[in-house]
């Protein structure tokens, strides 16, 4: 039996302000994945976290699939997103090397 997807109404509050994030810290516990989204400005040693989103592992995996699907659609429309330089180094610069104040490096 094929399950039919449910229709979900998503409400965006009138005063909701979008945030811009160009830096992310991702950590996890056995039951959660924590995404801290931040803004990193040039010549500023401080990174300011603007939002923290906590997912279950299942929801994080579903988010990963949704991101992959949307990036594939984006690239089909606008062309491949090219990561400049060494991709692994860029990923480490974006997602690692910075530790929250309550952890050790």
PDB file of N, CA and C in Angstrom:
ATOM      1  N   UNK A   1       0.840  -1.176   0.000  1.00  0.00           N
ATOM      2  CA  UNK A   1       0.000   0.000   0.000  1.00  0.00           C
ATOM      3  C   UNK A   1       0.883   1.235   0.000  1.00  0.00           C
ATOM      4  N   UNK A   2       0.607   2.163  -0.894  1.00  0.00           N
ATOM      5  CA  UNK A   2       1.362   3.406  -0.979  1.00  0.00           C
ATOM      6  C   UNK A   2       0.699   4.453  -0.102  1.00  0.00           C
ATOM      7  N   UNK A   3       1.513   5.098   0.743  1.00  0.00           N
ATOM      8  CA  UNK A   3       0.971   6.138   1.611  1.00  0.00           C
ATOM      9  C   UNK A   3       0.948   7.460   0.854  1.00  0.00           C
ATOM     10  N   UNK A   4      -0.148   8.152   0.945  1.00  0.00           N
ATOM     11  CA  UNK A   4      -0.302   9.446   0.300  1.00  0.00           C
ATOM     12  C   UNK A   4       0.249  10.520   1.236  1.00  0.00           C
ATOM     13  N   UNK A   5       1.105  11.416   0.718  1.00  0.00           N
ATOM     14  CA  UNK A   5       1.646  12.455   1.597  1.00  0.00           C
ATOM     15  C   UNK A   5       0.534  13.351   2.132  1.00  0.00           C
ATOM     16  N   UNK A   6       0.668  13.744   3.388  1.00  0.00           N
ATOM     17  CA  UNK A   6      -0.302  14.634   4.004  1.00  0.00           C
ATOM     18  C   UNK A   6       0.000  16.068   3.587  1.00  0.00           C
ATOM     19  N   UNK A   7      -1.030  16.856   3.479  1.00  0.00           N
ATOM     20  CA  UNK A   7      -0.869  18.280   3.209  1.00  0.00           C
ATOM     21  C   UNK A   7      -0.659  18.983   4.544  1.00  0.00           C
ATOM     22  N   UNK A   8       0.372  19.797   4.620  1.00  0.00           N
ATOM     23  CA  UNK A   8       0.691  20.504   5.855  1.00  0.00           C
ATOM     24  C   UNK A   8       0.649  22.001   5.575  1.00  0.00           C
ATOM     25  N   UNK A   9      -0.076  22.726   6.397  1.00  0.00           N
ATOM     26  CA  UNK A   9      -0.101  24.181   6.301  1.00  0.00           C
ATOM     27  C   UNK A   9       1.006  24.741   7.186  1.00  0.00           C
ATOM     28  N   UNK A  10       1.907  25.499   6.591  1.00  0.00           N
ATOM     29  CA  UNK A  10       3.019  26.093   7.323  1.00  0.00           C
ATOM     30  C   UNK A  10       2.711  27.564   7.533  1.00  0.00           C
ATOM     31  N   UNK A  11       2.779  27.997   8.775  1.00  0.00           N
ATOM     32  CA  UNK A  11       2.492  29.389   9.102  1.00  0.00           C
ATOM     33  C   UNK A  11       3.794  30.130   9.363  1.00  0.00           C
ATOM     34  N   UNK A  12       3.988  31.241   8.675  1.00  0.00           N
ATOM     35  CA  UNK A  12       5.131  32.114   8.925  1.00  0.00           C
ATOM     36  C   UNK A  12       4.632  33.301   9.731  1.00  0.00           C
ATOM     37  N   UNK A  13       5.100  33.472  10.960  1.00  0.00           N
ATOM     38  CA  UNK A  13       4.642  34.608  11.764  1.00  0.00           C
ATOM     39  C   UNK A  13       4.951  35.931  11.058  1.00  0.00           C
ATOM     40  N   UNK A  14       4.052  36.906  11.213  1.00  0.00           N
ATOM     41  CA  UNK A  14       4.176  38.184  10.524  1.00  0.00           C
ATOM     42  C   UNK A  14       5.505  38.881  10.842  1.00  0.00           C
ATOM     43  N   UNK A  15       5.973  38.804  12.070  1.00  0.00           N
ATOM     44  CA  UNK A  15       7.191  39.518  12.461  1.00  0.00           C
ATOM     45  C   UNK A  15       8.473  38.714  12.310  1.00  0.00           C
ATOM     46  N   UNK A  16       8.396  37.552  11.672  1.00  0.00           N
ATOM     47  CA  UNK A  16       9.572  36.700  11.547  1.00  0.00           C
ATOM     48  C   UNK A  16      10.637  37.378  10.687  1.00  0.00           C
ATOM     49  N   UNK A  17      11.821  37.538  11.256  1.00  0.00           N
ATOM     50  CA  UNK A  17      12.922  38.148  10.523  1.00  0.00           C
ATOM     51  C   UNK A  17      13.892  37.066  10.068  1.00  0.00           C
ATOM     52  N   UNK A  18      14.238  37.063   8.785  1.00  0.00           N
ATOM     53  CA  UNK A  18      15.233  36.083   8.321  1.00  0.00           C
ATOM     54  C   UNK A  18      16.603  36.424   8.887  1.00  0.00           C
ATOM     55  N   UNK A  19      17.427  35.400   9.040  1.00  0.00           N
ATOM     56  CA  UNK A  19      18.798  35.630   9.467  1.00  0.00           C
ATOM     57  C   UNK A  19      19.725  35.176   8.346  1.00  0.00           C
ATOM     58  N   UNK A  20      20.881  35.770   8.299  1.00  0.00           N
ATOM     59  CA  UNK A  20      21.908  35.369   7.343  1.00  0.00           C
ATOM     60  C   UNK A  20      22.976  34.628   8.126  1.00  0.00           C
ATOM     61  N   UNK A  21      23.339  33.443   7.651  1.00  0.00           N
ATOM     62  CA  UNK A  21      24.390  32.659   8.291  1.00  0.00           C
ATOM     63  C   UNK A  21      25.405  32.244   7.245  1.00  0.00           C
ATOM     64  N   UNK A  22      26.671  32.487   7.529  1.00  0.00           N
ATOM     65  CA  UNK A  22      27.737  32.042   6.635  1.00  0.00           C
ATOM     66  C   UNK A  22      28.737  31.164   7.390  1.00  0.00           C
ATOM     67  N   UNK A  23      28.306  30.671   8.546  1.00  0.00           N
ATOM     68  CA  UNK A  23      29.155  29.833   9.385  1.00  0.00           C
ATOM     69  C   UNK A  23      28.242  28.911  10.185  1.00  0.00           C
ATOM     70  N   UNK A  24      28.656  27.666  10.373  1.00  0.00           N
ATOM     71  CA  UNK A  24      27.843  26.719  11.138  1.00  0.00           C
ATOM     72  C   UNK A  24      28.722  25.877  12.044  1.00  0.00           C
ATOM     73  N   UNK A  25      28.222  25.632  13.217  1.00  0.00           N
ATOM     74  CA  UNK A  25      28.830  24.672  14.140  1.00  0.00           C
ATOM     75  C   UNK A  25      27.805  23.558  14.325  1.00  0.00           C
ATOM     76  N   UNK A  26      28.237  22.333  14.133  1.00  0.00           N
ATOM     77  CA  UNK A  26      27.324  21.202  14.281  1.00  0.00           C
ATOM     78  C   UNK A  26      27.908  20.267  15.326  1.00  0.00           C
ATOM     79  N   UNK A  27      27.106  19.943  16.322  1.00  0.00           N
ATOM     80  CA  UNK A  27      27.521  19.001  17.352  1.00  0.00           C
ATOM     81  C   UNK A  27      26.364  18.030  17.586  1.00  0.00           C
ATOM     82  N   UNK A  28      26.624  17.023  18.394  1.00  0.00           N
ATOM     83  CA  UNK A  28      25.569  16.042  18.622  1.00  0.00           C
ATOM     84  C   UNK A  28      25.693  15.382  19.981  1.00  0.00           C
ATOM     85  N   UNK A  29      24.572  14.852  20.414  1.00  0.00           N
ATOM     86  CA  UNK A  29      24.490  13.969  21.572  1.00  0.00           C
ATOM     87  C   UNK A  29      23.954  12.652  21.022  1.00  0.00           C
ATOM     88  N   UNK A  30      23.810  11.628  21.839  1.00  0.00           N
ATOM     89  CA  UNK A  30      23.241  10.386  21.312  1.00  0.00           C
ATOM     90  C   UNK A  30      21.829  10.552  20.742  1.00  0.00           C
ATOM     91  N   UNK A  31      21.092  11.568  21.181  1.00  0.00           N
ATOM     92  CA  UNK A  31      19.707  11.701  20.745  1.00  0.00           C
ATOM     93  C   UNK A  31      19.396  12.970  19.950  1.00  0.00           C
ATOM     94  N   UNK A  32      20.390  13.849  19.723  1.00  0.00           N
ATOM     95  CA  UNK A  32      20.118  15.119  19.052  1.00  0.00           C
ATOM     96  C   UNK A  32      21.306  15.562  18.209  1.00  0.00           C
ATOM     97  N   UNK A  33      21.023  16.336  17.176  1.00  0.00           N
ATOM     98  CA  UNK A  33      22.050  17.062  16.439  1.00  0.00           C
ATOM     99  C   UNK A  33      21.747  18.541  16.623  1.00  0.00           C
ATOM    100  N   UNK A  34      22.768  19.310  16.966  1.00  0.00           N
ATOM    101  CA  UNK A  34      22.601  20.723  17.264  1.00  0.00           C
ATOM    102  C   UNK A  34      23.307  21.529  16.183  1.00  0.00           C
ATOM    103  N   UNK A  35      22.564  22.415  15.534  1.00  0.00           N
ATOM    104  CA  UNK A  35      23.090  23.282  14.492  1.00  0.00           C
ATOM    105  C   UNK A  35      23.103  24.706  15.028  1.00  0.00           C
ATOM    106  N   UNK A  36      24.285  25.260  15.210  1.00  0.00           N
ATOM    107  CA  UNK A  36      24.423  26.670  15.557  1.00  0.00           C
ATOM    108  C   UNK A  36      24.780  27.412  14.281  1.00  0.00           C
ATOM    109  N   UNK A  37      23.913  28.327  13.869  1.00  0.00           N
ATOM    110  CA  UNK A  37      24.115  29.094  12.646  1.00  0.00           C
ATOM    111  C   UNK A  37      24.606  30.481  13.045  1.00  0.00           C
ATOM    112  N   UNK A  38      25.684  30.919  12.396  1.00  0.00           N
ATOM    113  CA  UNK A  38      26.360  32.129  12.852  1.00  0.00           C
ATOM    114  C   UNK A  38      26.749  33.023  11.691  1.00  0.00           C
ATOM    115  N   UNK A  39      27.137  34.230  12.062  1.00  0.00           N
ATOM    116  CA  UNK A  39      27.677  35.192  11.111  1.00  0.00           C
ATOM    117  C   UNK A  39      29.136  35.429  11.440  1.00  0.00           C
ATOM    118  N   UNK A  40      29.974  35.254  10.433  1.00  0.00           N
ATOM    119  CA  UNK A  40      31.399  35.515  10.569  1.00  0.00           C
ATOM    120  C   UNK A  40      31.706  36.703   9.665  1.00  0.00           C
ATOM    121  N   UNK A  41      32.252  37.751  10.250  1.00  0.00           N
ATOM    122  CA  UNK A  41      32.554  38.954   9.486  1.00  0.00           C
ATOM    123  C   UNK A  41      34.052  39.069   9.255  1.00  0.00           C
ATOM    124  N   UNK A  42      34.454  39.649   8.129  1.00  0.00           N
ATOM    125  CA  UNK A  42      35.887  39.804   7.837  1.00  0.00           C
ATOM    126  C   UNK A  42      36.589  40.619   8.929  1.00  0.00           C
ATOM    127  N   UNK A  43      37.804  40.223   9.236  1.00  0.00           N
ATOM    128  CA  UNK A  43      38.652  40.917  10.210  1.00  0.00           C
ATOM    129  C   UNK A  43      38.066  40.967  11.615  1.00  0.00           C
ATOM    130  N   UNK A  44      37.139  40.083  11.920  1.00  0.00           N
ATOM    131  CA  UNK A  44      36.552  40.006  13.254  1.00  0.00           C
ATOM    132  C   UNK A  44      36.833  38.620  13.833  1.00  0.00           C
ATOM    133  N   UNK A  45      37.528  38.536  14.956  1.00  0.00           N
ATOM    134  CA  UNK A  45      37.846  37.217  15.519  1.00  0.00           C
ATOM    135  C   UNK A  45      36.641  36.536  16.169  1.00  0.00           C
ATOM    136  N   UNK A  46      35.582  37.285  16.433  1.00  0.00           N
ATOM    137  CA  UNK A  46      34.408  36.757  17.105  1.00  0.00           C
ATOM    138  C   UNK A  46      33.362  36.316  16.085  1.00  0.00           C
ATOM    139  N   UNK A  47      32.790  35.138  16.291  1.00  0.00           N
ATOM    140  CA  UNK A  47      31.688  34.643  15.470  1.00  0.00           C
ATOM    141  C   UNK A  47      30.434  34.729  16.328  1.00  0.00           C
ATOM    142  N   UNK A  48      29.391  35.349  15.795  1.00  0.00           N
ATOM    143  CA  UNK A  48      28.170  35.541  16.566  1.00  0.00           C
ATOM    144  C   UNK A  48      27.099  34.550  16.125  1.00  0.00           C
ATOM    145  N   UNK A  49      26.707  33.660  17.041  1.00  0.00           N
ATOM    146  CA  UNK A  49      25.644  32.700  16.742  1.00  0.00           C
ATOM    147  C   UNK A  49      24.317  33.445  16.711  1.00  0.00           C
ATOM    148  N   UNK A  50      23.564  33.234  15.632  1.00  0.00           N
ATOM    149  CA  UNK A  50      22.281  33.908  15.442  1.00  0.00           C
ATOM    150  C   UNK A  50      21.095  32.988  15.679  1.00  0.00           C
ATOM    151  N   UNK A  51      21.306  31.671  15.552  1.00  0.00           N
ATOM    152  CA  UNK A  51      20.198  30.731  15.752  1.00  0.00           C
ATOM    153  C   UNK A  51      20.755  29.367  16.131  1.00  0.00           C
ATOM    154  N   UNK A  52      20.038  28.678  16.970  1.00  0.00           N
ATOM    155  CA  UNK A  52      20.357  27.293  17.331  1.00  0.00           C
ATOM    156  C   UNK A  52      19.136  26.453  17.006  1.00  0.00           C
ATOM    157  N   UNK A  53      19.345  25.399  16.207  1.00  0.00           N
ATOM    158  CA  UNK A  53      18.263  24.504  15.822  1.00  0.00           C
ATOM    159  C   UNK A  53      18.669  23.102  16.257  1.00  0.00           C
ATOM    160  N   UNK A  54      17.763  22.420  16.939  1.00  0.00           N
ATOM    161  CA  UNK A  54      18.044  21.078  17.454  1.00  0.00           C
ATOM    162  C   UNK A  54      17.135  20.090  16.721  1.00  0.00           C
ATOM    163  N   UNK A  55      17.770  19.056  16.154  1.00  0.00           N
ATOM    164  CA  UNK A  55      17.059  18.036  15.393  1.00  0.00           C
ATOM    165  C   UNK A  55      17.249  16.671  16.050  1.00  0.00           C
ATOM    166  N   UNK A  56      16.271  15.787  15.844  1.00  0.00           N
ATOM    167  CA  UNK A  56      16.503  14.382  16.140  1.00  0.00           C
ATOM    168  C   UNK A  56      17.404  13.851  15.022  1.00  0.00           C
ATOM    169  N   UNK A  57      18.119  12.752  15.237  1.00  0.00           N
ATOM    170  CA  UNK A  57      18.924  12.193  14.145  1.00  0.00           C
ATOM    171  C   UNK A  57      18.092  11.896  12.894  1.00  0.00           C
ATOM    172  N   UNK A  58      16.881  11.380  13.059  1.00  0.00           N
ATOM    173  CA  UNK A  58      16.020  11.102  11.914  1.00  0.00           C
ATOM    174  C   UNK A  58      15.697  12.381  11.151  1.00  0.00           C
ATOM    175  N   UNK A  59      15.307  13.437  11.864  1.00  0.00           N
ATOM    176  CA  UNK A  59      14.975  14.688  11.188  1.00  0.00           C
ATOM    177  C   UNK A  59      16.203  15.322  10.540  1.00  0.00           C
ATOM    178  N   UNK A  60      17.373  15.167  11.145  1.00  0.00           N
ATOM    179  CA  UNK A  60      18.600  15.681  10.532  1.00  0.00           C
ATOM    180  C   UNK A  60      18.887  14.949   9.223  1.00  0.00           C
ATOM    181  N   UNK A  61      18.672  13.635   9.209  1.00  0.00           N
ATOM    182  CA  UNK A  61      18.897  12.873   7.978  1.00  0.00           C
ATOM    183  C   UNK A  61      17.886  13.272   6.903  1.00  0.00           C
ATOM    184  N   UNK A  62      16.648  13.503   7.302  1.00  0.00           N
ATOM    185  CA  UNK A  62      15.647  13.968   6.345  1.00  0.00           C
ATOM    186  C   UNK A  62      15.989  15.363   5.827  1.00  0.00           C
ATOM    187  N   UNK A  63      16.530  16.218   6.684  1.00  0.00           N
ATOM    188  CA  UNK A  63      16.992  17.542   6.247  1.00  0.00           C
ATOM    189  C   UNK A  63      18.119  17.395   5.237  1.00  0.00           C
ATOM    190  N   UNK A  64      19.053  16.490   5.497  1.00  0.00           N
ATOM    191  CA  UNK A  64      20.147  16.240   4.559  1.00  0.00           C
ATOM    192  C   UNK A  64      19.601  15.839   3.188  1.00  0.00           C
ATOM    193  N   UNK A  65      18.644  14.934   3.173  1.00  0.00           N
ATOM    194  CA  UNK A  65      18.039  14.516   1.897  1.00  0.00           C
ATOM    195  C   UNK A  65      17.360  15.682   1.193  1.00  0.00           C
ATOM    196  N   UNK A  66      16.642  16.494   1.953  1.00  0.00           N
ATOM    197  CA  UNK A  66      15.952  17.639   1.364  1.00  0.00           C
ATOM    198  C   UNK A  66      16.959  18.641   0.800  1.00  0.00           C
ATOM    199  N   UNK A  67      18.068  18.870   1.515  1.00  0.00           N
ATOM    200  CA  UNK A  67      19.105  19.768   1.013  1.00  0.00           C
ATOM    201  C   UNK A  67      19.733  19.223  -0.265  1.00  0.00           C
ATOM    202  N   UNK A  68      20.037  17.922  -0.282  1.00  0.00           N
ATOM    203  CA  UNK A  68      20.611  17.309  -1.480  1.00  0.00           C
ATOM    204  C   UNK A  68      19.665  17.440  -2.662  1.00  0.00           C
ATOM    205  N   UNK A  69      18.395  17.192  -2.426  1.00  0.00           N
ATOM    206  CA  UNK A  69      17.397  17.287  -3.492  1.00  0.00           C
ATOM    207  C   UNK A  69      17.296  18.723  -4.012  1.00  0.00           C
ATOM    208  N   UNK A  70      17.240  19.684  -3.101  1.00  0.00           N
ATOM    209  CA  UNK A  70      17.117  21.081  -3.516  1.00  0.00           C
ATOM    210  C   UNK A  70      18.376  21.594  -4.190  1.00  0.00           C
ATOM    211  N   UNK A  71      19.552  21.172  -3.726  1.00  0.00           N
ATOM    212  CA  UNK A  71      20.791  21.588  -4.396  1.00  0.00           C
ATOM    213  C   UNK A  71      20.880  20.987  -5.799  1.00  0.00           C
ATOM    214  N   UNK A  72      20.437  19.752  -5.963  1.00  0.00           N
ATOM    215  CA  UNK A  72      20.432  19.134  -7.294  1.00  0.00           C
ATOM    216  C   UNK A  72      19.508  19.909  -8.232  1.00  0.00           C
ATOM    217  N   UNK A  73      18.340  20.309  -7.742  1.00  0.00           N
ATOM    218  CA  UNK A  73      17.410  21.100  -8.553  1.00  0.00           C
ATOM    219  C   UNK A  73      18.016  22.471  -8.876  1.00  0.00           C
ATOM    220  N   UNK A  74      18.660  23.082  -7.894  1.00  0.00           N
ATOM    221  CA  UNK A  74      19.304  24.382  -8.104  1.00  0.00           C
ATOM    222  C   UNK A  74      20.370  24.277  -9.192  1.00  0.00           C
ATOM    223  N   UNK A  75      21.235  23.241  -9.072  1.00  0.00           N
ATOM    224  CA  UNK A  75      22.314  23.076 -10.049  1.00  0.00           C
ATOM    225  C   UNK A  75      21.766  22.725 -11.435  1.00  0.00           C
ATOM    226  N   UNK A  76      20.666  22.014 -11.505  1.00  0.00           N
ATOM    227  CA  UNK A  76      20.055  21.716 -12.802  1.00  0.00           C
ATOM    228  C   UNK A  76      19.563  22.992 -13.478  1.00  0.00           C
ATOM    229  N   UNK A  77      19.151  23.954 -12.675  1.00  0.00           N
ATOM    230  CA  UNK A  77      18.650  25.218 -13.219  1.00  0.00           C
ATOM    231  C   UNK A  77      19.764  26.230 -13.471  1.00  0.00           C
ATOM    232  N   UNK A  78      20.691  26.358 -12.511  1.00  0.00           N
ATOM    233  CA  UNK A  78      21.671  27.445 -12.548  1.00  0.00           C
ATOM    234  C   UNK A  78      23.104  26.992 -12.808  1.00  0.00           C
ATOM    235  N   UNK A  79      23.357  25.696 -12.873  1.00  0.00           N
ATOM    236  CA  UNK A  79      24.703  25.180 -13.074  1.00  0.00           C
ATOM    237  C   UNK A  79      25.334  24.737 -11.769  1.00  0.00           C
ATOM    238  N   UNK A  80      26.428  24.001 -11.918  1.00  0.00           N
ATOM    239  CA  UNK A  80      27.113  23.425 -10.767  1.00  0.00           C
ATOM    240  C   UNK A  80      27.641  24.501  -9.829  1.00  0.00           C
ATOM    241  N   UNK A  81      27.489  24.260  -8.546  1.00  0.00           N
ATOM    242  CA  UNK A  81      28.071  25.119  -7.524  1.00  0.00           C
ATOM    243  C   UNK A  81      29.506  24.649  -7.341  1.00  0.00           C
ATOM    244  N   UNK A  82      30.456  25.506  -7.666  1.00  0.00           N
ATOM    245  CA  UNK A  82      31.863  25.143  -7.595  1.00  0.00           C
ATOM    246  C   UNK A  82      32.436  25.630  -6.271  1.00  0.00           C
ATOM    247  N   UNK A  83      33.030  24.719  -5.536  1.00  0.00           N
ATOM    248  CA  UNK A  83      33.685  25.086  -4.280  1.00  0.00           C
ATOM    249  C   UNK A  83      35.110  25.497  -4.615  1.00  0.00           C
ATOM    250  N   UNK A  84      35.485  26.743  -4.302  1.00  0.00           N
ATOM    251  CA  UNK A  84      36.826  27.208  -4.663  1.00  0.00           C
ATOM    252  C   UNK A  84      37.902  26.520  -3.833  1.00  0.00           C
ATOM    253  N   UNK A  85      39.054  26.296  -4.441  1.00  0.00           N
ATOM    254  CA  UNK A  85      40.192  25.738  -3.713  1.00  0.00           C
ATOM    255  C   UNK A  85      39.973  24.308  -3.285  1.00  0.00           C
ATOM    256  N   UNK A  86      40.566  23.979  -2.181  1.00  0.00           N
ATOM    257  CA  UNK A  86      40.469  22.633  -1.627  1.00  0.00           C
ATOM    258  C   UNK A  86      39.164  22.487  -0.866  1.00  0.00           C
ATOM    259  N   UNK A  87      38.260  21.684  -1.377  1.00  0.00           N
ATOM    260  CA  UNK A  87      36.951  21.518  -0.773  1.00  0.00           C
ATOM    261  C   UNK A  87      36.996  21.112   0.679  1.00  0.00           C
ATOM    262  N   UNK A  88      37.843  20.141   1.037  1.00  0.00           N
ATOM    263  CA  UNK A  88      37.905  19.687   2.422  1.00  0.00           C
ATOM    264  C   UNK A  88      38.382  20.791   3.347  1.00  0.00           C
ATOM    265  N   UNK A  89      39.358  21.590   2.900  1.00  0.00           N
ATOM    266  CA  UNK A  89      39.841  22.690   3.725  1.00  0.00           C
ATOM    267  C   UNK A  89      38.746  23.728   3.921  1.00  0.00           C
ATOM    268  N   UNK A  90      37.975  23.997   2.876  1.00  0.00           N
ATOM    269  CA  UNK A  90      36.895  24.961   2.975  1.00  0.00           C
ATOM    270  C   UNK A  90      35.820  24.456   3.932  1.00  0.00           C
ATOM    271  N   UNK A  91      35.506  23.183   3.847  1.00  0.00           N
ATOM    272  CA  UNK A  91      34.514  22.604   4.758  1.00  0.00           C
ATOM    273  C   UNK A  91      35.004  22.721   6.196  1.00  0.00           C
ATOM    274  N   UNK A  92      36.284  22.413   6.439  1.00  0.00           N
ATOM    275  CA  UNK A  92      36.827  22.543   7.790  1.00  0.00           C
ATOM    276  C   UNK A  92      36.780  23.995   8.263  1.00  0.00           C
ATOM    277  N   UNK A  93      37.046  24.936   7.362  1.00  0.00           N
ATOM    278  CA  UNK A  93      37.000  26.343   7.737  1.00  0.00           C
ATOM    279  C   UNK A  93      35.578  26.774   8.065  1.00  0.00           C
ATOM    280  N   UNK A  94      34.596  26.223   7.331  1.00  0.00           N
ATOM    281  CA  UNK A  94      33.205  26.612   7.553  1.00  0.00           C
ATOM    282  C   UNK A  94      32.622  25.920   8.781  1.00  0.00           C
ATOM    283  N   UNK A  95      32.894  24.629   8.943  1.00  0.00           N
ATOM    284  CA  UNK A  95      32.252  23.851   9.990  1.00  0.00           C
ATOM    285  C   UNK A  95      33.144  23.490  11.171  1.00  0.00           C
ATOM    286  N   UNK A  96      34.425  23.796  11.119  1.00  0.00           N
ATOM    287  CA  UNK A  96      35.286  23.350  12.214  1.00  0.00           C
ATOM    288  C   UNK A  96      36.308  24.409  12.566  1.00  0.00           C
ATOM    289  N   UNK A  97      37.122  24.067  13.530  1.00  0.00           N
ATOM    290  CA  UNK A  97      38.203  24.955  13.914  1.00  0.00           C
ATOM    291  C   UNK A  97      37.792  26.026  14.897  1.00  0.00           C
ATOM    292  N   UNK A  98      36.498  26.179  15.141  1.00  0.00           N
ATOM    293  CA  UNK A  98      36.014  27.126  16.113  1.00  0.00           C
ATOM    294  C   UNK A  98      35.209  26.333  17.124  1.00  0.00           C
ATOM    295  N   UNK A  99      35.441  26.599  18.379  1.00  0.00           N
ATOM    296  CA  UNK A  99      34.769  25.835  19.404  1.00  0.00           C
ATOM    297  C   UNK A  99      33.938  26.777  20.277  1.00  0.00           C
ATOM    298  N   UNK A 100      32.738  26.346  20.650  1.00  0.00           N
ATOM    299  CA  UNK A 100      31.948  27.166  21.575  1.00  0.00           C
ATOM    300  C   UNK A 100      32.727  27.396  22.847  1.00  0.00           C
ATOM    301  N   UNK A 101      32.440  28.457  23.576  1.00  0.00           N
ATOM    302  CA  UNK A 101      33.204  28.782  24.779  1.00  0.00           C
ATOM    303  C   UNK A 101      33.214  27.688  25.836  1.00  0.00           C
ATOM    304  N   UNK A 102      32.187  26.823  25.880  1.00  0.00           N
ATOM    305  CA  UNK A 102      32.116  25.804  26.920  1.00  0.00           C
ATOM    306  C   UNK A 102      32.761  24.482  26.538  1.00  0.00           C
ATOM    307  N   UNK A 103      33.495  24.426  25.392  1.00  0.00           N
ATOM    308  CA  UNK A 103      34.179  23.202  25.005  1.00  0.00           C
ATOM    309  C   UNK A 103      35.651  23.483  24.815  1.00  0.00           C
ATOM    310  N   UNK A 104      36.422  22.431  24.787  1.00  0.00           N
ATOM    311  CA  UNK A 104      37.863  22.558  24.536  1.00  0.00           C
ATOM    312  C   UNK A 104      38.161  22.070  23.136  1.00  0.00           C
ATOM    313  N   UNK A 105      39.193  22.648  22.504  1.00  0.00           N
ATOM    314  CA  UNK A 105      39.560  22.287  21.155  1.00  0.00           C
ATOM    315  C   UNK A 105      40.409  21.090  21.109  1.00  0.00           C
TER     316      UNK A 105
END
